Amino acid sequence: MINPIVFDFLSQLKANNNRDWFHENKAFYNEAKASFEASMQQFIDIVHEADPTVGELTPKECVFRIYRDTRFAKDKTPYKTNMGGFVAKGGRKSLLAGYYLHVEPGDCMVAGGSYCPPSDVLKAIRREIYNFADEYKAIIYDKAFTQVFPEMYEDKLKMAPKGFPKDFEDIELLKYKSFAPVHAATDEEMMGGKAVNHIRHIIHTLEPHNTFINRGITAEEDEIIL
């Protein structure tokens, strides 16, 4: 699915992360970028097959820029050493749970859900889990799900989130700051002939989780019973 040229470019960029090298190799970048966008279209098609609610999207609406915002960062290297895209209704800036493709030599992943959402979205997700905890647990503790997504982003609150009872049986679930399952993938899994079917399986496994999360995000206030 991912052309080796993408890995080749990113590997060389990591070793030469400066503007002079990038400008001298702009044609190389454009070729790798075009190849990644073609792969992103495949990814969008796979996601839409599993979750039609994302709507009709283009790679341009989903792919993240390679240029880093270094204004407030200690790391002043100008370029990301990965290529990635987020597929959700509304594109990469959507506040809805979605599907993320990340290509980085030695650190690829297919992930999704809701990563570091703003406080109002996070509270809506927590409310949905609070109200329907058994349903959510049936999704994330299902054997088929845990085989594909053995980890969630582990950043958690130390205390119960404000507005939720401390003695809630599943309070640990509500402490997450992100609800973003992650599937780590090897470079070979992303490039090989079986990549499309491998990624399709991951996305279809993730869809029930995202559907649950998005139900909470889009719920009307009068439907929330907390």
Protein backbone atom coordinates (compact mmCIF):
# COMPACT_ATOMS: atom_id res chain seq x y z
CA MET A 1 0.00 0.00 0.00
CA ILE A 2 2.77 2.46 0.94
CA ASN A 3 5.37 2.85 -1.80
CA PRO A 4 9.01 2.35 -0.65
CA ILE A 5 9.83 5.83 -1.97
CA VAL A 6 7.95 7.30 1.01
CA PHE A 7 10.15 5.41 3.47
CA ASP A 8 13.27 6.28 1.48
CA PHE A 9 12.47 9.99 1.52
CA LEU A 10 11.58 10.06 5.22
CA SER A 11 14.74 8.17 6.16
CA GLN A 12 16.90 10.65 4.26
CA LEU A 13 14.97 13.59 5.68
CA LYS A 14 15.58 12.37 9.22
CA ALA A 15 19.31 12.37 8.54
CA ASN A 16 19.17 15.78 6.85
CA ASN A 17 16.44 17.72 8.60
CA ASN A 18 17.34 21.19 7.39
CA ARG A 19 15.96 23.64 4.85
CA ASP A 20 18.93 23.51 2.48
CA TRP A 21 18.67 19.74 1.99
CA PHE A 22 14.89 19.92 1.69
CA HIS A 23 15.01 22.62 -0.97
CA GLU A 24 17.69 20.75 -2.91
CA ASN A 25 15.52 17.63 -2.82
CA LYS A 26 12.13 19.27 -3.42
CA ALA A 27 11.46 17.07 -6.46
CA PHE A 28 12.16 13.98 -4.31
CA TYR A 29 9.72 15.30 -1.70
CA ASN A 30 7.02 16.02 -4.29
CA GLU A 31 7.31 12.49 -5.65
CA ALA A 32 7.08 10.95 -2.18
CA LYS A 33 4.20 13.26 -1.26
CA ALA A 34 2.24 12.34 -4.39
CA SER A 35 2.82 8.65 -3.66
CA PHE A 36 1.63 9.04 -0.07
CA GLU A 37 -1.48 10.93 -1.20
CA ALA A 38 -2.32 8.07 -3.57
CA SER A 39 -2.01 5.67 -0.62
CA MET A 40 -4.15 8.00 1.48
CA GLN A 41 -6.88 7.77 -1.14
CA GLN A 42 -6.78 4.00 -0.71
CA PHE A 43 -6.98 4.48 3.04
CA ILE A 44 -9.96 6.84 2.69
CA ASP A 45 -11.74 4.27 0.52
CA ILE A 46 -11.12 1.54 3.11
CA VAL A 47 -12.43 3.77 5.91
CA HIS A 48 -15.51 4.78 3.93
CA GLU A 49 -16.27 1.13 3.27
CA ALA A 50 -16.29 0.44 7.02
CA ASP A 51 -17.72 3.77 8.20
CA PRO A 52 -19.72 5.69 5.56
CA THR A 53 -20.41 8.48 8.07
CA VAL A 54 -17.00 10.00 7.26
CA GLY A 55 -18.48 11.16 3.96
CA GLU A 56 -16.68 11.80 0.69
CA LEU A 57 -13.16 13.07 1.38
CA THR A 58 -10.02 13.80 -0.60
CA PRO A 59 -6.40 13.27 0.47
CA LYS A 60 -5.93 17.05 0.53
CA GLU A 61 -8.59 17.29 3.27
CA CYS A 62 -6.95 14.56 5.37
CA VAL A 63 -3.15 14.71 5.00
CA PHE A 64 -1.12 16.69 7.52
CA ARG A 65 1.56 19.16 6.43
CA ILE A 66 5.16 18.05 6.71
CA TYR A 67 6.23 21.46 7.99
CA ARG A 68 6.59 21.71 11.76
CA ASP A 69 5.39 24.64 13.85
CA THR A 70 8.56 25.42 15.79
CA ARG A 71 7.47 28.69 17.39
CA PHE A 72 7.06 27.25 20.89
CA ALA A 73 9.02 24.00 20.47
CA LYS A 74 12.42 23.16 21.91
CA ASP A 75 13.06 21.03 18.83
CA LYS A 76 13.65 23.52 16.03
CA THR A 77 14.04 21.02 13.19
CA PRO A 78 11.79 22.35 10.42
CA TYR A 79 10.19 19.16 9.12
CA LYS A 80 8.27 16.20 10.47
CA THR A 81 9.94 12.86 9.80
CA ASN A 82 6.62 11.15 9.15
CA MET A 83 3.69 11.44 6.81
CA GLY A 84 0.20 11.05 8.18
CA GLY A 85 -3.45 11.64 7.61
CA PHE A 86 -6.65 11.67 9.65
CA VAL A 87 -9.95 10.53 8.15
CA ALA A 88 -13.13 11.77 9.82
CA LYS A 89 -16.20 13.70 8.77
CA GLY A 90 -14.86 17.16 8.03
CA GLY A 91 -11.28 16.05 7.42
CA ARG A 92 -8.11 16.27 9.48
CA LYS A 93 -9.36 19.17 11.66
CA SER A 94 -12.52 17.36 12.68
CA LEU A 95 -13.37 17.04 16.38
CA LEU A 96 -15.02 13.70 15.73
CA ALA A 97 -13.35 10.35 16.33
CA GLY A 98 -11.63 9.17 13.18
CA TYR A 99 -8.99 6.96 11.59
CA TYR A 100 -5.28 7.82 11.52
CA LEU A 101 -2.55 6.54 9.22
CA HIS A 102 1.02 7.25 10.32
CA VAL A 103 4.04 6.35 8.18
CA GLU A 104 7.46 6.74 9.79
CA PRO A 105 10.39 4.37 9.25
CA GLY A 106 10.46 2.02 12.22
CA ASP A 107 7.45 3.62 13.89
CA CYS A 108 4.36 3.14 11.72
CA MET A 109 0.86 2.89 13.12
CA VAL A 110 -2.81 2.72 12.27
CA ALA A 111 -4.75 4.38 15.05
CA GLY A 112 -7.93 6.28 15.63
CA GLY A 113 -10.56 7.44 18.03
CA SER A 114 -10.23 10.83 19.69
CA TYR A 115 -6.73 12.06 20.58
CA CYS A 116 -6.39 14.92 23.11
CA PRO A 117 -9.84 16.39 22.39
CA PRO A 118 -10.85 19.81 23.77
CA SER A 119 -12.51 19.80 27.17
CA ASP A 120 -16.13 19.94 25.96
CA VAL A 121 -15.61 17.02 23.57
CA LEU A 122 -13.75 15.04 26.21
CA LYS A 123 -16.58 15.57 28.69
CA ALA A 124 -19.14 14.39 26.11
CA ILE A 125 -17.12 11.20 25.52
CA ARG A 126 -16.84 10.56 29.24
CA ARG A 127 -20.58 11.08 29.67
CA GLU A 128 -21.31 8.52 26.97
CA ILE A 129 -19.01 5.99 28.62
CA TYR A 130 -20.51 6.76 32.04
CA ASN A 131 -24.04 6.20 30.75
CA PHE A 132 -23.22 3.13 28.67
CA ALA A 133 -20.17 1.62 30.34
CA ASP A 134 -21.12 -1.99 29.68
CA GLU A 135 -21.55 -1.28 25.99
CA TYR A 136 -18.17 0.45 25.79
CA LYS A 137 -16.40 -2.31 27.71
CA ALA A 138 -17.91 -4.92 25.42
CA ILE A 139 -16.20 -3.13 22.53
CA ILE A 140 -12.75 -2.46 23.99
CA TYR A 141 -12.39 -5.74 25.91
CA ASP A 142 -13.55 -7.92 23.06
CA LYS A 143 -10.81 -10.41 22.20
CA ALA A 144 -10.81 -9.49 18.51
CA PHE A 145 -10.41 -5.81 19.45
CA THR A 146 -7.59 -6.29 21.96
CA GLN A 147 -5.67 -8.44 19.50
CA VAL A 148 -5.61 -5.52 17.06
CA PHE A 149 -5.44 -2.70 19.63
CA PRO A 150 -3.49 -3.87 22.67
CA GLU A 151 -3.01 -0.32 23.92
CA MET A 152 -4.80 2.97 24.41
CA TYR A 153 -2.94 6.25 24.82
CA GLU A 154 -2.02 6.00 28.50
CA ASP A 155 -2.14 9.67 29.54
CA LYS A 156 -4.63 9.67 32.43
CA LEU A 157 -5.84 11.84 35.27
CA LYS A 158 -4.76 10.83 38.78
CA MET A 159 -8.18 11.68 40.19
CA ALA A 160 -11.73 11.23 38.96
CA PRO A 161 -12.66 13.85 36.36
CA LYS A 162 -14.75 16.74 37.61
CA GLY A 163 -18.49 16.09 37.45
CA PHE A 164 -18.29 12.31 37.76
CA PRO A 165 -18.72 10.26 40.97
CA LYS A 166 -15.46 8.99 42.42
CA ASP A 167 -17.07 5.69 43.35
CA PHE A 168 -18.17 4.93 39.78
CA GLU A 169 -17.29 1.27 39.14
CA ASP A 170 -15.45 2.06 35.89
CA ILE A 171 -13.91 5.37 36.92
CA GLU A 172 -10.54 4.32 35.49
CA LEU A 173 -12.02 4.44 32.00
CA LEU A 174 -13.10 8.03 32.54
CA LYS A 175 -9.61 9.13 33.58
CA TYR A 176 -8.23 8.83 30.05
CA LYS A 177 -7.37 12.14 28.38
CA SER A 178 -7.57 10.47 24.96
CA PHE A 179 -9.70 7.62 23.67
CA ALA A 180 -7.36 6.59 20.89
CA PRO A 181 -6.59 2.91 20.25
CA VAL A 182 -3.24 2.26 18.58
CA HIS A 183 -2.06 -0.54 16.30
CA ALA A 184 1.71 -0.47 15.80
CA ALA A 185 2.74 -1.75 12.36
CA THR A 186 6.04 -2.74 10.84
CA ASP A 187 7.32 -1.04 7.69
CA GLU A 188 6.91 -4.35 5.87
CA GLU A 189 3.25 -4.61 6.90
CA MET A 190 2.61 -1.18 5.42
CA MET A 191 4.44 -1.86 2.16
CA GLY A 192 3.78 -5.52 1.47
CA GLY A 193 1.27 -7.06 -0.88
CA LYS A 194 -1.03 -7.89 2.03
CA ALA A 195 -1.05 -4.32 3.36
CA VAL A 196 -4.50 -3.37 2.05
CA ASN A 197 -6.23 -6.36 3.64
CA HIS A 198 -4.24 -5.89 6.85
CA ILE A 199 -5.29 -2.25 7.13
CA ARG A 200 -8.87 -3.09 6.16
CA HIS A 201 -9.06 -5.53 9.08
CA ILE A 202 -7.73 -2.89 11.47
CA ILE A 203 -10.23 -0.27 10.31
CA HIS A 204 -13.23 -2.61 10.48
CA THR A 205 -12.19 -3.58 14.01
CA LEU A 206 -11.94 0.09 15.03
CA GLU A 207 -15.28 1.20 13.57
CA PRO A 208 -17.55 0.14 16.52
CA HIS A 209 -15.31 2.08 18.92
CA ASN A 210 -15.46 5.24 16.82
CA THR A 211 -19.19 4.92 16.30
CA PHE A 212 -19.69 4.74 20.07
CA ILE A 213 -17.42 7.74 20.72
CA ASN A 214 -19.05 9.83 17.99
CA ARG A 215 -22.49 9.07 19.37
CA GLY A 216 -21.40 10.78 22.57
CA ILE A 217 -19.79 13.73 20.81
CA THR A 218 -22.83 14.43 18.66
CA ALA A 219 -25.46 13.75 21.34
CA GLU A 220 -27.93 16.54 22.09
CA GLU A 221 -27.74 17.91 25.61
CA ASP A 222 -31.21 16.67 26.47
CA GLU A 223 -30.13 13.12 25.60
CA ILE A 224 -27.38 13.16 28.23
CA ILE A 225 -28.63 11.71 31.47
CA LEU A 226 -25.70 12.46 33.75
